[in-house]
Amino acid sequence: MKDMFWAAASVGNENEWKVAMNDLEKANKEAAEWLNRIPPTLWSRSHFRGSSKCDILVNNLNESFNKYILEARELPIIGMLEWIRRKLMHRIQTKRSGMQKFHGQICPNIAEKIDKNQRLSRTFVATWDGHQKYEIDCGPRKCVVVDLHEWTCTCGYFQLTGYPCAHACAAIGVCRLPINDYVHACYTRVEYLKIYAHTITPVPSDTY
């Protein structure tokens, strides 16, 4: 049952989501009805807004922050907030300094994911329609359509994440275009440095 839920939650397009939900309904109608009462925009990648540029389904951010402030959680409220302020002041400076030393155009984590997708794309066959669309043969009875003008793929992940999925990499590769031209600006070194350009100003103690 858990595997069926994750199948419905993890797919990137609506058609695959419908198939996964039908499978779940056949296995457990009550579970499917309960899940249908929750808007799929809250739990399924196939319904996430493309503007978010994120495909994450977990709450790791909350868990990471809780672990991050573990040392401060037992302090009195003012002491805890001061501890968090100093920690964040140091973190912002560290993140900014680290990226200043990096000279690539795309942030390292995303560059690594794109590189992985490029390796996967080598097994695909891309056929160009003469305009902006490509039919990508991914294996027996499985094809998707990539539109490089709209930055979309019928698998859903190109528009969801903002960087080329393996299918889009196949299309970009066959026409020998620069892959970085198809990566959203939010993943660039320039934008990263803008995010960490601000500082948290040091605060003197209350005796001053």
N, C-alpha and C. Protein backbone atom coordinates (compact mmCIF):
# COMPACT_ATOMS: atom_id res chain seq x y z
N MET A 1 0.82 -1.20 0.00
CA MET A 1 0.00 0.00 0.00
C MET A 1 0.86 1.26 0.00
N LYS A 2 1.90 1.23 0.82
CA LYS A 2 2.81 2.38 0.89
C LYS A 2 3.47 2.62 -0.46
N ASP A 3 3.86 1.54 -1.14
CA ASP A 3 4.49 1.66 -2.47
C ASP A 3 3.52 2.29 -3.47
N MET A 4 2.24 1.94 -3.36
CA MET A 4 1.24 2.50 -4.28
C MET A 4 1.04 3.99 -4.02
N PHE A 5 1.06 4.37 -2.74
CA PHE A 5 0.94 5.79 -2.42
C PHE A 5 2.11 6.57 -3.01
N TRP A 6 3.33 6.04 -2.82
CA TRP A 6 4.50 6.74 -3.34
C TRP A 6 4.52 6.77 -4.86
N ALA A 7 3.93 5.75 -5.49
CA ALA A 7 3.83 5.75 -6.95
C ALA A 7 2.97 6.92 -7.41
N ALA A 8 1.84 7.16 -6.70
CA ALA A 8 0.94 8.27 -7.05
C ALA A 8 1.57 9.61 -6.71
N ALA A 9 2.36 9.64 -5.64
CA ALA A 9 2.95 10.91 -5.19
C ALA A 9 4.16 11.31 -6.02
N SER A 10 4.88 10.33 -6.55
CA SER A 10 6.18 10.60 -7.17
C SER A 10 6.14 10.87 -8.67
N VAL A 11 5.08 10.43 -9.35
CA VAL A 11 5.04 10.60 -10.81
C VAL A 11 4.99 12.08 -11.18
N GLY A 12 5.53 12.40 -12.36
CA GLY A 12 5.63 13.80 -12.74
C GLY A 12 4.52 14.30 -13.66
N ASN A 13 3.67 13.40 -14.19
CA ASN A 13 2.59 13.91 -15.05
C ASN A 13 1.25 13.29 -14.66
N GLU A 14 0.18 13.96 -15.06
CA GLU A 14 -1.16 13.63 -14.59
C GLU A 14 -1.65 12.27 -15.07
N ASN A 15 -1.29 11.87 -16.30
CA ASN A 15 -1.74 10.57 -16.81
C ASN A 15 -1.20 9.42 -15.95
N GLU A 16 0.09 9.49 -15.62
CA GLU A 16 0.69 8.45 -14.77
C GLU A 16 0.07 8.49 -13.37
N TRP A 17 -0.27 9.69 -12.90
CA TRP A 17 -0.91 9.83 -11.59
C TRP A 17 -2.27 9.13 -11.57
N LYS A 18 -3.05 9.30 -12.66
CA LYS A 18 -4.36 8.66 -12.75
C LYS A 18 -4.24 7.14 -12.74
N VAL A 19 -3.24 6.62 -13.45
CA VAL A 19 -3.00 5.17 -13.47
C VAL A 19 -2.66 4.67 -12.07
N ALA A 20 -1.76 5.42 -11.39
CA ALA A 20 -1.35 5.02 -10.03
C ALA A 20 -2.54 5.07 -9.06
N MET A 21 -3.40 6.08 -9.21
CA MET A 21 -4.58 6.18 -8.34
C MET A 21 -5.58 5.07 -8.61
N ASN A 22 -5.71 4.68 -9.88
CA ASN A 22 -6.59 3.55 -10.22
C ASN A 22 -6.08 2.25 -9.59
N ASP A 23 -4.76 2.06 -9.64
CA ASP A 23 -4.16 0.87 -9.01
C ASP A 23 -4.42 0.86 -7.51
N LEU A 24 -4.30 2.05 -6.88
CA LEU A 24 -4.54 2.16 -5.45
C LEU A 24 -6.00 1.87 -5.12
N GLU A 25 -6.90 2.37 -5.95
CA GLU A 25 -8.33 2.14 -5.71
C GLU A 25 -8.70 0.67 -5.81
N LYS A 26 -8.06 -0.03 -6.75
CA LYS A 26 -8.31 -1.47 -6.88
C LYS A 26 -7.81 -2.22 -5.66
N ALA A 27 -6.70 -1.78 -5.11
CA ALA A 27 -6.11 -2.46 -3.94
C ALA A 27 -6.83 -2.11 -2.65
N ASN A 28 -7.21 -0.83 -2.51
CA ASN A 28 -7.87 -0.38 -1.28
C ASN A 28 -8.71 0.85 -1.59
N LYS A 29 -10.00 0.64 -1.82
CA LYS A 29 -10.90 1.72 -2.21
C LYS A 29 -10.99 2.80 -1.13
N GLU A 30 -11.02 2.37 0.12
CA GLU A 30 -11.14 3.32 1.24
C GLU A 30 -9.93 4.26 1.30
N ALA A 31 -8.73 3.70 1.10
CA ALA A 31 -7.51 4.51 1.13
C ALA A 31 -7.52 5.51 -0.03
N ALA A 32 -7.96 5.07 -1.21
CA ALA A 32 -8.01 5.95 -2.37
C ALA A 32 -9.00 7.09 -2.16
N GLU A 33 -10.16 6.78 -1.56
CA GLU A 33 -11.16 7.81 -1.29
C GLU A 33 -10.64 8.83 -0.28
N TRP A 34 -9.93 8.34 0.74
CA TRP A 34 -9.35 9.25 1.73
C TRP A 34 -8.33 10.18 1.09
N LEU A 35 -7.50 9.62 0.21
CA LEU A 35 -6.47 10.40 -0.45
C LEU A 35 -7.07 11.42 -1.41
N ASN A 36 -8.17 11.04 -2.06
CA ASN A 36 -8.83 11.94 -3.01
C ASN A 36 -9.44 13.17 -2.34
N ARG A 37 -9.63 13.09 -1.04
CA ARG A 37 -10.18 14.24 -0.31
C ARG A 37 -9.11 15.31 -0.05
N ILE A 38 -7.84 14.94 -0.26
CA ILE A 38 -6.73 15.89 -0.06
C ILE A 38 -6.33 16.43 -1.43
N PRO A 39 -6.30 17.75 -1.61
CA PRO A 39 -5.91 18.30 -2.92
C PRO A 39 -4.55 17.76 -3.34
N PRO A 40 -4.45 17.19 -4.56
CA PRO A 40 -3.18 16.59 -5.00
C PRO A 40 -2.04 17.61 -5.12
N THR A 41 -2.37 18.90 -5.16
CA THR A 41 -1.32 19.93 -5.19
C THR A 41 -0.49 19.92 -3.91
N LEU A 42 -1.01 19.26 -2.85
CA LEU A 42 -0.30 19.21 -1.57
C LEU A 42 0.59 17.98 -1.42
N TRP A 43 0.42 16.99 -2.30
CA TRP A 43 1.17 15.76 -2.05
C TRP A 43 1.67 15.03 -3.30
N SER A 44 1.28 15.46 -4.50
CA SER A 44 1.70 14.75 -5.71
C SER A 44 2.49 15.65 -6.65
N ARG A 45 3.67 15.19 -7.06
CA ARG A 45 4.52 15.97 -7.97
C ARG A 45 3.79 16.34 -9.26
N SER A 46 2.91 15.46 -9.72
CA SER A 46 2.21 15.70 -10.99
C SER A 46 1.33 16.95 -10.94
N HIS A 47 1.01 17.43 -9.74
CA HIS A 47 0.13 18.59 -9.59
C HIS A 47 0.85 19.80 -8.97
N PHE A 48 2.15 19.66 -8.72
CA PHE A 48 2.89 20.81 -8.19
C PHE A 48 2.93 21.92 -9.23
N ARG A 49 2.98 23.16 -8.77
CA ARG A 49 3.11 24.29 -9.69
C ARG A 49 4.55 24.36 -10.21
N GLY A 50 4.67 24.58 -11.51
CA GLY A 50 6.00 24.68 -12.11
C GLY A 50 6.78 25.88 -11.62
N SER A 51 6.08 26.89 -11.10
CA SER A 51 6.76 28.11 -10.65
C SER A 51 7.64 27.87 -9.43
N SER A 52 7.37 26.79 -8.70
CA SER A 52 8.14 26.53 -7.48
C SER A 52 9.55 26.01 -7.77
N LYS A 53 9.74 25.39 -8.97
CA LYS A 53 11.03 24.81 -9.35
C LYS A 53 11.55 23.86 -8.27
N CYS A 54 10.68 23.00 -7.82
CA CYS A 54 11.05 22.07 -6.74
C CYS A 54 10.21 20.80 -6.86
N ASP A 55 10.85 19.64 -6.70
CA ASP A 55 10.12 18.37 -6.78
C ASP A 55 10.17 17.60 -5.46
N ILE A 56 10.47 18.32 -4.37
CA ILE A 56 10.66 17.66 -3.07
C ILE A 56 9.31 17.34 -2.43
N LEU A 57 9.18 16.10 -1.93
CA LEU A 57 7.94 15.63 -1.31
C LEU A 57 8.06 15.43 0.20
N VAL A 58 9.21 15.72 0.75
CA VAL A 58 9.44 15.40 2.16
C VAL A 58 9.55 16.68 2.99
N ASN A 59 9.53 16.51 4.32
CA ASN A 59 9.66 17.67 5.20
C ASN A 59 11.04 17.70 5.86
N ASN A 60 12.06 17.32 5.10
CA ASN A 60 13.43 17.28 5.62
C ASN A 60 13.91 18.65 6.10
N LEU A 61 13.39 19.71 5.50
CA LEU A 61 13.81 21.05 5.89
C LEU A 61 13.50 21.30 7.36
N ASN A 62 12.29 20.91 7.79
CA ASN A 62 11.90 21.07 9.20
C ASN A 62 12.78 20.23 10.11
N GLU A 63 13.01 18.99 9.69
CA GLU A 63 13.82 18.08 10.50
C GLU A 63 15.26 18.59 10.60
N SER A 64 15.79 19.09 9.48
CA SER A 64 17.16 19.62 9.50
C SER A 64 17.27 20.83 10.41
N PHE A 65 16.28 21.72 10.36
CA PHE A 65 16.32 22.90 11.21
C PHE A 65 16.22 22.52 12.69
N ASN A 66 15.37 21.55 13.00
CA ASN A 66 15.25 21.08 14.40
C ASN A 66 16.58 20.54 14.90
N LYS A 67 17.27 19.79 14.05
CA LYS A 67 18.58 19.25 14.43
C LYS A 67 19.60 20.38 14.55
N TYR A 68 19.49 21.35 13.66
CA TYR A 68 20.41 22.49 13.62
C TYR A 68 20.38 23.28 14.93
N ILE A 69 19.18 23.43 15.50
CA ILE A 69 19.05 24.25 16.73
C ILE A 69 18.97 23.39 18.00
N LEU A 70 19.32 22.12 17.88
CA LEU A 70 19.20 21.20 19.01
C LEU A 70 19.89 21.74 20.27
N GLU A 71 21.07 22.28 20.09
CA GLU A 71 21.85 22.79 21.22
C GLU A 71 21.15 23.96 21.91
N ALA A 72 20.36 24.72 21.16
CA ALA A 72 19.74 25.94 21.71
C ALA A 72 18.34 25.73 22.24
N ARG A 73 17.74 24.59 21.97
CA ARG A 73 16.31 24.41 22.27
C ARG A 73 15.97 24.44 23.76
N GLU A 74 16.94 24.14 24.62
CA GLU A 74 16.67 24.13 26.06
C GLU A 74 17.01 25.47 26.72
N LEU A 75 17.50 26.42 25.92
CA LEU A 75 17.86 27.73 26.49
C LEU A 75 16.61 28.58 26.72
N PRO A 76 16.70 29.58 27.59
CA PRO A 76 15.61 30.56 27.71
C PRO A 76 15.40 31.24 26.35
N ILE A 77 14.22 31.79 26.12
CA ILE A 77 13.83 32.26 24.80
C ILE A 77 14.80 33.27 24.21
N ILE A 78 15.26 34.27 25.01
CA ILE A 78 16.18 35.27 24.47
C ILE A 78 17.52 34.64 24.11
N GLY A 79 18.01 33.77 24.99
CA GLY A 79 19.26 33.07 24.72
C GLY A 79 19.17 32.20 23.48
N MET A 80 18.03 31.54 23.30
CA MET A 80 17.83 30.69 22.13
C MET A 80 17.84 31.52 20.84
N LEU A 81 17.12 32.65 20.84
CA LEU A 81 17.07 33.49 19.65
C LEU A 81 18.43 34.09 19.32
N GLU A 82 19.19 34.46 20.36
CA GLU A 82 20.53 34.99 20.13
C GLU A 82 21.46 33.92 19.55
N TRP A 83 21.32 32.70 20.05
CA TRP A 83 22.12 31.57 19.53
C TRP A 83 21.81 31.36 18.05
N ILE A 84 20.51 31.37 17.69
CA ILE A 84 20.10 31.17 16.29
C ILE A 84 20.61 32.31 15.42
N ARG A 85 20.53 33.56 15.94
CA ARG A 85 20.99 34.72 15.17
C ARG A 85 22.47 34.60 14.83
N ARG A 86 23.29 34.25 15.82
CA ARG A 86 24.73 34.12 15.58
C ARG A 86 25.03 32.97 14.60
N LYS A 87 24.31 31.88 14.79
CA LYS A 87 24.52 30.72 13.93
C LYS A 87 24.19 31.06 12.46
N LEU A 88 23.08 31.78 12.27
CA LEU A 88 22.69 32.16 10.91
C LEU A 88 23.64 33.21 10.33
N MET A 89 24.14 34.11 11.16
CA MET A 89 25.11 35.10 10.70
C MET A 89 26.34 34.40 10.14
N HIS A 90 26.79 33.37 10.86
CA HIS A 90 27.96 32.60 10.41
C HIS A 90 27.63 31.79 9.16
N ARG A 91 26.43 31.20 9.11
CA ARG A 91 26.05 30.35 7.98
C ARG A 91 25.97 31.16 6.68
N ILE A 92 25.37 32.32 6.73
CA ILE A 92 25.24 33.17 5.53
C ILE A 92 26.62 33.52 4.99
N GLN A 93 27.52 33.91 5.91
CA GLN A 93 28.88 34.28 5.49
C GLN A 93 29.61 33.08 4.88
N THR A 94 29.43 31.90 5.48
CA THR A 94 30.09 30.68 4.99
C THR A 94 29.58 30.30 3.60
N LYS A 95 28.25 30.36 3.41
CA LYS A 95 27.66 30.02 2.11
C LYS A 95 28.14 30.99 1.03
N ARG A 96 28.16 32.27 1.36
CA ARG A 96 28.58 33.27 0.38
C ARG A 96 30.05 33.07 0.00
N SER A 97 30.90 32.86 0.99
CA SER A 97 32.33 32.68 0.73
C SER A 97 32.60 31.43 -0.09
N GLY A 98 31.85 30.36 0.22
CA GLY A 98 32.03 29.11 -0.52
C GLY A 98 31.70 29.26 -1.99
N MET A 99 30.59 29.96 -2.30
CA MET A 99 30.19 30.13 -3.70
C MET A 99 31.10 31.12 -4.42
N GLN A 100 31.66 32.07 -3.71
CA GLN A 100 32.60 33.01 -4.34
C GLN A 100 33.84 32.29 -4.86
N LYS A 101 34.20 31.18 -4.21
CA LYS A 101 35.37 30.40 -4.65
C LYS A 101 35.04 29.49 -5.83
N PHE A 102 33.74 29.27 -6.07
CA PHE A 102 33.30 28.40 -7.17
C PHE A 102 33.18 29.23 -8.44
N HIS A 103 33.68 28.73 -9.56
CA HIS A 103 33.70 29.53 -10.79
C HIS A 103 32.83 28.97 -11.91
N GLY A 104 32.03 27.94 -11.60
CA GLY A 104 31.11 27.42 -12.62
C GLY A 104 29.90 28.34 -12.78
N GLN A 105 29.14 28.11 -13.85
CA GLN A 105 27.96 28.94 -14.09
C GLN A 105 26.75 28.43 -13.31
N ILE A 106 26.62 27.09 -13.22
CA ILE A 106 25.48 26.45 -12.54
C ILE A 106 25.95 25.91 -11.19
N CYS A 107 25.13 26.07 -10.16
CA CYS A 107 25.48 25.61 -8.81
C CYS A 107 25.84 24.12 -8.82
N PRO A 108 26.82 23.71 -8.01
CA PRO A 108 27.37 22.35 -8.09
C PRO A 108 26.35 21.22 -7.96
N ASN A 109 25.40 21.32 -7.02
CA ASN A 109 24.43 20.23 -6.83
C ASN A 109 23.57 20.02 -8.08
N ILE A 110 23.13 21.12 -8.68
CA ILE A 110 22.30 21.03 -9.88
C ILE A 110 23.14 20.57 -11.07
N ALA A 111 24.36 21.07 -11.17
CA ALA A 111 25.26 20.64 -12.26
C ALA A 111 25.47 19.12 -12.21
N GLU A 112 25.56 18.58 -11.00
CA GLU A 112 25.73 17.13 -10.83
C GLU A 112 24.49 16.37 -11.29
N LYS A 113 23.30 16.91 -10.97
CA LYS A 113 22.05 16.26 -11.40
C LYS A 113 21.90 16.30 -12.92
N ILE A 114 22.27 17.43 -13.51
CA ILE A 114 22.19 17.55 -14.97
C ILE A 114 23.16 16.58 -15.64
N ASP A 115 24.35 16.46 -15.06
CA ASP A 115 25.36 15.53 -15.59
C ASP A 115 24.83 14.09 -15.55
N LYS A 116 24.14 13.75 -14.46
CA LYS A 116 23.55 12.40 -14.33
C LYS A 116 22.47 12.20 -15.41
N ASN A 117 21.64 13.22 -15.63
CA ASN A 117 20.60 13.13 -16.65
C ASN A 117 21.20 13.01 -18.05
N GLN A 118 22.32 13.68 -18.28
CA GLN A 118 22.99 13.58 -19.58
C GLN A 118 23.50 12.16 -19.83
N ARG A 119 24.02 11.55 -18.77
CA ARG A 119 24.49 10.16 -18.91
C ARG A 119 23.33 9.22 -19.21
N LEU A 120 22.19 9.43 -18.53
CA LEU A 120 21.00 8.60 -18.78
C LEU A 120 20.48 8.78 -20.20
N SER A 121 20.61 10.00 -20.73
CA SER A 121 20.04 10.32 -22.05
C SER A 121 20.76 9.60 -23.20
N ARG A 122 21.94 9.08 -22.94
CA ARG A 122 22.70 8.43 -24.01
C ARG A 122 22.02 7.18 -24.55
N THR A 123 21.10 6.61 -23.78
CA THR A 123 20.40 5.40 -24.23
C THR A 123 19.11 5.75 -24.97
N PHE A 124 18.76 7.05 -25.04
CA PHE A 124 17.51 7.48 -25.68
C PHE A 124 17.75 7.87 -27.15
N VAL A 125 16.70 7.79 -27.94
CA VAL A 125 16.76 8.21 -29.34
C VAL A 125 15.81 9.39 -29.52
N ALA A 126 16.35 10.54 -29.96
CA ALA A 126 15.55 11.75 -30.15
C ALA A 126 15.27 11.99 -31.62
N THR A 127 14.00 12.23 -31.95
CA THR A 127 13.61 12.54 -33.33
C THR A 127 13.00 13.93 -33.36
N TRP A 128 13.57 14.81 -34.19
CA TRP A 128 13.16 16.21 -34.27
C TRP A 128 12.00 16.37 -35.23
N ASP A 129 11.03 17.24 -34.89
CA ASP A 129 9.89 17.46 -35.79
C ASP A 129 10.12 18.62 -36.76
N GLY A 130 11.30 19.24 -36.69
CA GLY A 130 11.61 20.34 -37.60
C GLY A 130 11.36 21.71 -37.01
N HIS A 131 10.72 21.75 -35.84
CA HIS A 131 10.46 23.03 -35.18
C HIS A 131 11.13 23.02 -33.80
N GLN A 132 10.34 22.90 -32.74
CA GLN A 132 10.91 22.94 -31.39
C GLN A 132 10.67 21.66 -30.60
N LYS A 133 9.93 20.70 -31.18
CA LYS A 133 9.55 19.51 -30.44
C LYS A 133 10.36 18.29 -30.87
N TYR A 134 10.55 17.40 -29.92
CA TYR A 134 11.32 16.17 -30.15
C TYR A 134 10.56 15.00 -29.55
N GLU A 135 10.51 13.90 -30.28
CA GLU A 135 9.96 12.66 -29.75
C GLU A 135 11.13 11.83 -29.24
N ILE A 136 11.08 11.50 -27.96
CA ILE A 136 12.19 10.78 -27.33
C ILE A 136 11.77 9.33 -27.07
N ASP A 137 12.45 8.42 -27.74
CA ASP A 137 12.21 6.99 -27.55
C ASP A 137 13.06 6.53 -26.37
N CYS A 138 12.36 6.13 -25.28
CA CYS A 138 13.06 5.77 -24.04
C CYS A 138 13.16 4.27 -23.82
N GLY A 139 12.60 3.50 -24.72
CA GLY A 139 12.61 2.05 -24.54
C GLY A 139 11.35 1.45 -25.11
N PRO A 140 11.11 0.15 -24.88
CA PRO A 140 9.94 -0.53 -25.44
C PRO A 140 8.63 0.16 -25.06
N ARG A 141 7.90 0.62 -26.09
CA ARG A 141 6.56 1.22 -25.93
C ARG A 141 6.55 2.42 -25.00
N LYS A 142 7.65 3.14 -24.93
CA LYS A 142 7.67 4.34 -24.08
C LYS A 142 8.33 5.49 -24.81
N CYS A 143 7.52 6.50 -25.13
CA CYS A 143 8.01 7.72 -25.76
C CYS A 143 7.47 8.93 -25.01
N VAL A 144 8.26 9.97 -24.98
CA VAL A 144 7.79 11.24 -24.41
C VAL A 144 8.07 12.34 -25.44
N VAL A 145 7.44 13.49 -25.23
CA VAL A 145 7.63 14.62 -26.14
C VAL A 145 8.26 15.77 -25.37
N VAL A 146 9.35 16.30 -25.90
CA VAL A 146 10.05 17.44 -25.31
C VAL A 146 9.85 18.66 -26.20
N ASP A 147 9.47 19.78 -25.59
CA ASP A 147 9.35 21.04 -26.30
C ASP A 147 10.41 21.99 -25.75
N LEU A 148 11.45 22.23 -26.52
CA LEU A 148 12.55 23.06 -26.04
C LEU A 148 12.18 24.54 -26.01
N HIS A 149 11.18 24.93 -26.80
CA HIS A 149 10.74 26.33 -26.79
C HIS A 149 9.99 26.64 -25.49
N GLU A 150 9.15 25.70 -25.06
CA GLU A 150 8.35 25.90 -23.84
C GLU A 150 9.03 25.34 -22.59
N TRP A 151 10.16 24.66 -22.78
CA TRP A 151 10.86 24.02 -21.65
C TRP A 151 9.95 23.00 -20.95
N THR A 152 9.34 22.13 -21.71
CA THR A 152 8.45 21.12 -21.14
C THR A 152 8.79 19.73 -21.65
N CYS A 153 8.41 18.75 -20.86
CA CYS A 153 8.51 17.33 -21.25
C CYS A 153 7.27 16.66 -20.71
N THR A 154 6.73 15.70 -21.44
CA THR A 154 5.50 15.04 -20.98
C THR A 154 5.74 14.18 -19.74
N CYS A 155 7.00 13.95 -19.38
CA CYS A 155 7.27 13.26 -18.11
C CYS A 155 7.00 14.20 -16.93
N GLY A 156 7.03 15.51 -17.19
CA GLY A 156 6.69 16.50 -16.17
C GLY A 156 7.85 17.13 -15.42
N TYR A 157 9.02 16.51 -15.49
CA TYR A 157 10.11 16.95 -14.61
C TYR A 157 10.88 18.17 -15.12
N PHE A 158 10.91 18.39 -16.43
CA PHE A 158 11.62 19.55 -16.97
C PHE A 158 10.98 20.84 -16.45
N GLN A 159 9.64 20.95 -16.58
CA GLN A 159 8.94 22.14 -16.13
C GLN A 159 8.83 22.21 -14.61
N LEU A 160 8.85 21.06 -13.96
CA LEU A 160 8.71 21.04 -12.50
C LEU A 160 9.98 21.51 -11.80
N THR A 161 11.13 21.06 -12.30
CA THR A 161 12.39 21.38 -11.62
C THR A 161 13.09 22.61 -12.17
N GLY A 162 12.89 22.90 -13.47
CA GLY A 162 13.57 24.05 -14.05
C GLY A 162 14.94 23.73 -14.63
N TYR A 163 15.31 22.46 -14.65
CA TYR A 163 16.53 22.04 -15.35
C TYR A 163 16.21 20.80 -16.18
N PRO A 164 16.97 20.51 -17.24
CA PRO A 164 16.59 19.45 -18.18
C PRO A 164 16.56 18.06 -17.54
N CYS A 165 15.43 17.37 -17.77
CA CYS A 165 15.36 15.96 -17.40
C CYS A 165 16.19 15.18 -18.41
N ALA A 166 16.30 13.87 -18.24
CA ALA A 166 17.11 13.05 -19.16
C ALA A 166 16.56 13.13 -20.59
N HIS A 167 15.23 13.21 -20.73
CA HIS A 167 14.63 13.29 -22.07
C HIS A 167 15.00 14.62 -22.74
N ALA A 168 14.93 15.71 -21.98
CA ALA A 168 15.30 17.02 -22.52
C ALA A 168 16.78 17.05 -22.88
N CYS A 169 17.60 16.38 -22.07
CA CYS A 169 19.04 16.30 -22.36
C CYS A 169 19.28 15.61 -23.70
N ALA A 170 18.45 14.60 -24.01
CA ALA A 170 18.59 13.89 -25.30
C ALA A 170 18.26 14.83 -26.45
N ALA A 171 17.20 15.64 -26.27
CA ALA A 171 16.80 16.60 -27.32
C ALA A 171 17.85 17.69 -27.49
N ILE A 172 18.35 18.20 -26.38
CA ILE A 172 19.37 19.25 -26.43
C ILE A 172 20.66 18.71 -27.06
N GLY A 173 20.99 17.47 -26.73
CA GLY A 173 22.21 16.85 -27.26
C GLY A 173 22.15 16.62 -28.75
N VAL A 174 20.98 16.20 -29.26
CA VAL A 174 20.88 15.86 -30.68
C VAL A 174 20.98 17.10 -31.57
N CYS A 175 20.60 18.27 -31.02
CA CYS A 175 20.73 19.50 -31.82
C CYS A 175 21.93 20.34 -31.39
N ARG A 176 22.76 19.76 -30.50
CA ARG A 176 24.03 20.37 -30.10
C ARG A 176 23.89 21.80 -29.56
N LEU A 177 22.90 21.98 -28.69
CA LEU A 177 22.69 23.28 -28.07
C LEU A 177 23.37 23.33 -26.70
N PRO A 178 23.74 24.50 -26.20
CA PRO A 178 24.36 24.60 -24.87
C PRO A 178 23.34 24.24 -23.78
N ILE A 179 23.63 23.24 -22.99
CA ILE A 179 22.65 22.77 -22.01
C ILE A 179 22.37 23.81 -20.93
N ASN A 180 23.35 24.66 -20.62
CA ASN A 180 23.14 25.69 -19.60
C ASN A 180 22.10 26.72 -20.00
N ASP A 181 21.81 26.81 -21.30
CA ASP A 181 20.78 27.74 -21.77
C ASP A 181 19.38 27.27 -21.39
N TYR A 182 19.27 26.01 -20.94
CA TYR A 182 17.97 25.44 -20.57
C TYR A 182 17.87 25.17 -19.07
N VAL A 183 18.65 25.90 -18.29
CA VAL A 183 18.61 25.78 -16.83
C VAL A 183 18.07 27.10 -16.28
N HIS A 184 17.08 27.01 -15.40
CA HIS A 184 16.46 28.22 -14.84
C HIS A 184 17.50 29.06 -14.10
N ALA A 185 17.31 30.37 -14.18
CA ALA A 185 18.27 31.31 -13.59
C ALA A 185 18.45 31.11 -12.08
N CYS A 186 17.44 30.56 -11.41
CA CYS A 186 17.54 30.39 -9.95
C CYS A 186 18.66 29.44 -9.55
N TYR A 187 19.17 28.63 -10.49
CA TYR A 187 20.23 27.67 -10.19
C TYR A 187 21.63 28.19 -10.55
N THR A 188 21.73 29.44 -10.94
CA THR A 188 23.02 29.97 -11.34
C THR A 188 23.82 30.52 -10.16
N ARG A 189 25.11 30.57 -10.34
CA ARG A 189 26.00 31.14 -9.32
C ARG A 189 25.63 32.58 -9.01
N VAL A 190 25.29 33.34 -10.06
CA VAL A 190 24.93 34.76 -9.89
C VAL A 190 23.75 34.93 -8.95
N GLU A 191 22.69 34.13 -9.16
CA GLU A 191 21.49 34.25 -8.32
C GLU A 191 21.76 33.76 -6.90
N TYR A 192 22.57 32.72 -6.78
CA TYR A 192 22.93 32.19 -5.46
C TYR A 192 23.62 33.28 -4.63
N LEU A 193 24.55 33.98 -5.26
CA LEU A 193 25.28 35.04 -4.55
C LEU A 193 24.36 36.21 -4.19
N LYS A 194 23.34 36.45 -5.00
CA LYS A 194 22.36 37.50 -4.66
C LYS A 194 21.60 37.13 -3.38
N ILE A 195 21.27 35.84 -3.27
CA ILE A 195 20.51 35.37 -2.10
C ILE A 195 21.32 35.57 -0.82
N TYR A 196 22.62 35.30 -0.90
CA TYR A 196 23.48 35.41 0.28
C TYR A 196 24.26 36.73 0.33
N ALA A 197 23.78 37.73 -0.41
CA ALA A 197 24.48 39.03 -0.42
C ALA A 197 24.24 39.82 0.86
N HIS A 198 23.08 39.58 1.50
CA HIS A 198 22.77 40.32 2.72
C HIS A 198 23.54 39.74 3.91
N THR A 199 23.58 40.48 4.98
CA THR A 199 24.24 39.98 6.20
C THR A 199 23.32 40.18 7.39
N ILE A 200 23.58 39.42 8.43
CA ILE A 200 22.94 39.68 9.73
C ILE A 200 23.95 40.47 10.54
N THR A 201 23.58 41.69 10.91
CA THR A 201 24.52 42.60 11.56
C THR A 201 24.82 42.18 12.98
N PRO A 202 26.09 42.18 13.41
CA PRO A 202 26.43 41.89 14.80
C PRO A 202 25.74 42.86 15.76
N VAL A 203 25.37 42.33 16.93
CA VAL A 203 24.63 43.13 17.92
C VAL A 203 25.45 43.19 19.21
N PRO A 204 25.69 44.40 19.75
CA PRO A 204 26.40 44.47 21.03
C PRO A 204 25.47 44.01 22.17
N SER A 205 26.05 43.65 23.29
CA SER A 205 25.24 43.21 24.43
C SER A 205 24.45 44.37 25.01
N ASP A 206 23.46 44.06 25.85
CA ASP A 206 22.57 45.10 26.36
C ASP A 206 23.28 46.09 27.30
N THR A 207 24.51 45.77 27.73
CA THR A 207 25.24 46.71 28.57
C THR A 207 25.66 47.95 27.76
N TYR A 208 25.64 47.81 26.41
CA TYR A 208 25.98 48.93 25.56
C TYR A 208 24.75 49.58 24.94
